[in-house]
């Protein structure tokens, strides 16, 4: 399960990175987020999903 979550988060981060590259002004000009905010959200989601529930 943890490996699947890790792969999913990696794919989502890759897709977001591509969308930032392809549409920088169209999609993201109305909001300013520092780049580290997205990584904090993705890493916290990854840590939450990989938490041992046993």
C-alpha atoms as a PDB file:
ATOM      1  CA  UNK A   1       0.000   0.000   0.000  1.00  0.00           C
ATOM      2  CA  UNK A   2       2.769   2.440   0.875  1.00  0.00           C
ATOM      3  CA  UNK A   3       4.521   1.825  -2.424  1.00  0.00           C
ATOM      4  CA  UNK A   4       1.315   2.564  -4.324  1.00  0.00           C
ATOM      5  CA  UNK A   5       0.857   5.824  -2.423  1.00  0.00           C
ATOM      6  CA  UNK A   6       4.472   6.784  -3.075  1.00  0.00           C
ATOM      7  CA  UNK A   7       4.054   6.152  -6.799  1.00  0.00           C
ATOM      8  CA  UNK A   8       0.760   8.055  -6.859  1.00  0.00           C
ATOM      9  CA  UNK A   9       2.255  11.102  -5.154  1.00  0.00           C
ATOM     10  CA  UNK A  10       5.233  10.996  -7.513  1.00  0.00           C
ATOM     11  CA  UNK A  11       2.954  10.914 -10.561  1.00  0.00           C
ATOM     12  CA  UNK A  12       0.829  13.782  -9.203  1.00  0.00           C
ATOM     13  CA  UNK A  13       3.953  15.858  -8.543  1.00  0.00           C
ATOM     14  CA  UNK A  14       5.208  15.116 -12.051  1.00  0.00           C
ATOM     15  CA  UNK A  15       1.868  16.145 -13.615  1.00  0.00           C
ATOM     16  CA  UNK A  16       1.785  19.358 -11.593  1.00  0.00           C
ATOM     17  CA  UNK A  17       5.326  20.118 -12.641  1.00  0.00           C
ATOM     18  CA  UNK A  18       4.422  19.633 -16.297  1.00  0.00           C
ATOM     19  CA  UNK A  19       1.338  21.835 -15.975  1.00  0.00           C
ATOM     20  CA  UNK A  20       3.434  24.591 -14.398  1.00  0.00           C
ATOM     21  CA  UNK A  21       5.808  24.372 -17.358  1.00  0.00           C
ATOM     22  CA  UNK A  22       3.158  24.260 -20.098  1.00  0.00           C
ATOM     23  CA  UNK A  23       0.711  26.861 -18.790  1.00  0.00           C
ATOM     24  CA  UNK A  24       2.649  29.222 -16.518  1.00  0.00           C
ATOM     25  CA  UNK A  25       0.674  32.411 -17.126  1.00  0.00           C
ATOM     26  CA  UNK A  26      -2.750  31.052 -17.984  1.00  0.00           C
ATOM     27  CA  UNK A  27      -3.382  28.803 -15.004  1.00  0.00           C
ATOM     28  CA  UNK A  28      -1.173  30.201 -12.288  1.00  0.00           C
ATOM     29  CA  UNK A  29      -0.975  33.977 -12.787  1.00  0.00           C
ATOM     30  CA  UNK A  30      -3.988  34.688 -10.552  1.00  0.00           C
ATOM     31  CA  UNK A  31      -2.411  33.204  -7.423  1.00  0.00           C
ATOM     32  CA  UNK A  32       1.083  33.364  -5.998  1.00  0.00           C
ATOM     33  CA  UNK A  33       2.264  30.388  -3.986  1.00  0.00           C
ATOM     34  CA  UNK A  34       5.871  29.830  -3.124  1.00  0.00           C
ATOM     35  CA  UNK A  35       7.166  26.623  -4.666  1.00  0.00           C
ATOM     36  CA  UNK A  36       7.719  25.009  -1.250  1.00  0.00           C
ATOM     37  CA  UNK A  37       3.986  25.153  -0.388  1.00  0.00           C
ATOM     38  CA  UNK A  38       3.156  22.515  -2.989  1.00  0.00           C
ATOM     39  CA  UNK A  39       5.913  20.244  -1.764  1.00  0.00           C
ATOM     40  CA  UNK A  40       4.746  20.576   1.849  1.00  0.00           C
ATOM     41  CA  UNK A  41       1.219  19.583   0.826  1.00  0.00           C
ATOM     42  CA  UNK A  42       2.436  16.588  -1.187  1.00  0.00           C
ATOM     43  CA  UNK A  43       4.854  15.404   1.488  1.00  0.00           C
ATOM     44  CA  UNK A  44       2.272  15.751   4.251  1.00  0.00           C
ATOM     45  CA  UNK A  45      -0.214  13.754   2.161  1.00  0.00           C
ATOM     46  CA  UNK A  46       2.441  11.113   1.588  1.00  0.00           C
ATOM     47  CA  UNK A  47       3.272  10.933   5.296  1.00  0.00           C
ATOM     48  CA  UNK A  48      -0.419  10.721   6.208  1.00  0.00           C
ATOM     49  CA  UNK A  49      -1.046   7.889   3.727  1.00  0.00           C
ATOM     50  CA  UNK A  50       2.042   5.948   4.758  1.00  0.00           C
ATOM     51  CA  UNK A  51       1.229   6.146   8.465  1.00  0.00           C
ATOM     52  CA  UNK A  52       1.223   2.718  10.076  1.00  0.00           C
ATOM     53  CA  UNK A  53      -2.313   2.017  11.267  1.00  0.00           C
ATOM     54  CA  UNK A  54      -1.563  -1.277  13.023  1.00  0.00           C
END
